[in-house]
Amino acid sequence: MITAMFVVIFVEQWLKGNRHISEWVGLAASVGCLLIFGADSFLIPTMIYILAALTALRKPLTHGMEAKAE
């Protein structure tokens, strides 16, 4: 049941935006950490990786949003 909720949230975000960098980062981190750490312990490394990646991509992401608003 909760998986369906996350899928709906993901699809809504995908349809709402035009640049899907954060979605791709989340998908890549989830699949990569699932393959590396296994199903029992991939959640914490995934969250750490997503936080680090989005922090590193913060300027390009916010720059794109500012250009879109103008």
Protein backbone atom coordinates (compact mmCIF):
# COMPACT_ATOMS: atom_id res chain seq x y z
CA MET A 1 0.00 0.00 0.00
CA ILE A 2 2.74 2.47 0.88
CA THR A 3 4.64 1.53 -2.27
CA ALA A 4 1.67 2.65 -4.35
CA MET A 5 1.66 5.98 -2.56
CA PHE A 6 5.33 6.56 -3.39
CA VAL A 7 4.75 5.56 -7.01
CA VAL A 8 1.91 8.08 -7.30
CA ILE A 9 4.05 10.83 -5.76
CA PHE A 10 6.90 9.98 -8.15
CA VAL A 11 4.63 10.00 -11.21
CA GLU A 12 3.07 13.33 -10.21
CA GLN A 13 6.51 14.90 -9.78
CA TRP A 14 7.63 13.44 -13.12
CA LEU A 15 4.62 14.84 -14.96
CA LYS A 16 4.84 18.24 -13.24
CA GLY A 17 8.48 18.97 -14.07
CA ASN A 18 10.40 19.27 -17.29
CA ARG A 19 13.88 18.56 -15.92
CA HIS A 20 14.04 15.21 -14.20
CA ILE A 21 17.53 15.35 -12.69
CA SER A 22 16.40 14.76 -9.11
CA GLU A 23 14.15 11.88 -10.17
CA TRP A 24 17.00 10.20 -12.05
CA VAL A 25 19.34 10.69 -9.08
CA GLY A 26 16.79 9.02 -6.80
CA LEU A 27 16.23 6.11 -9.16
CA ALA A 28 19.93 5.55 -9.77
CA ALA A 29 20.74 5.75 -6.07
CA SER A 30 17.96 3.33 -5.17
CA VAL A 31 18.86 0.73 -7.76
CA GLY A 32 22.59 1.07 -7.20
CA CYS A 33 22.39 0.80 -3.43
CA LEU A 34 19.92 -2.08 -3.70
CA LEU A 35 22.39 -4.00 -5.84
CA ILE A 36 25.36 -3.16 -3.61
CA PHE A 37 23.87 -3.45 -0.12
CA GLY A 38 20.95 -5.82 -0.66
CA ALA A 39 17.27 -5.46 0.16
CA ASP A 40 17.74 -5.54 3.93
CA SER A 41 20.09 -2.58 4.28
CA PHE A 42 19.94 -0.29 1.25
CA LEU A 43 17.69 2.49 2.56
CA ILE A 44 20.18 4.48 4.69
CA PRO A 45 22.98 4.41 2.07
CA THR A 46 20.44 5.44 -0.58
CA MET A 47 19.33 8.46 1.46
CA ILE A 48 22.96 9.47 2.10
CA TYR A 49 23.80 9.15 -1.60
CA ILE A 50 20.73 11.16 -2.67
CA LEU A 51 21.55 13.90 -0.14
CA ALA A 52 25.17 14.09 -1.32
CA ALA A 53 24.26 14.04 -5.03
CA LEU A 54 21.54 16.67 -4.77
CA THR A 55 23.79 18.86 -2.63
CA ALA A 56 26.51 18.60 -5.27
CA LEU A 57 23.97 19.42 -8.00
CA ARG A 58 22.37 22.25 -6.04
CA LYS A 59 23.71 25.11 -8.16
CA PRO A 60 22.77 23.59 -11.54
CA LEU A 61 19.32 22.67 -10.25
CA THR A 62 18.58 26.08 -8.75
CA HIS A 63 20.09 27.86 -11.76
CA GLY A 64 17.68 26.00 -14.03
CA MET A 65 14.75 26.96 -11.84
CA GLU A 66 15.77 30.64 -11.85
CA ALA A 67 16.08 30.66 -15.64
CA LYS A 68 12.67 29.03 -15.93
CA ALA A 69 11.06 31.68 -13.67
CA GLU A 70 12.37 34.60 -15.77
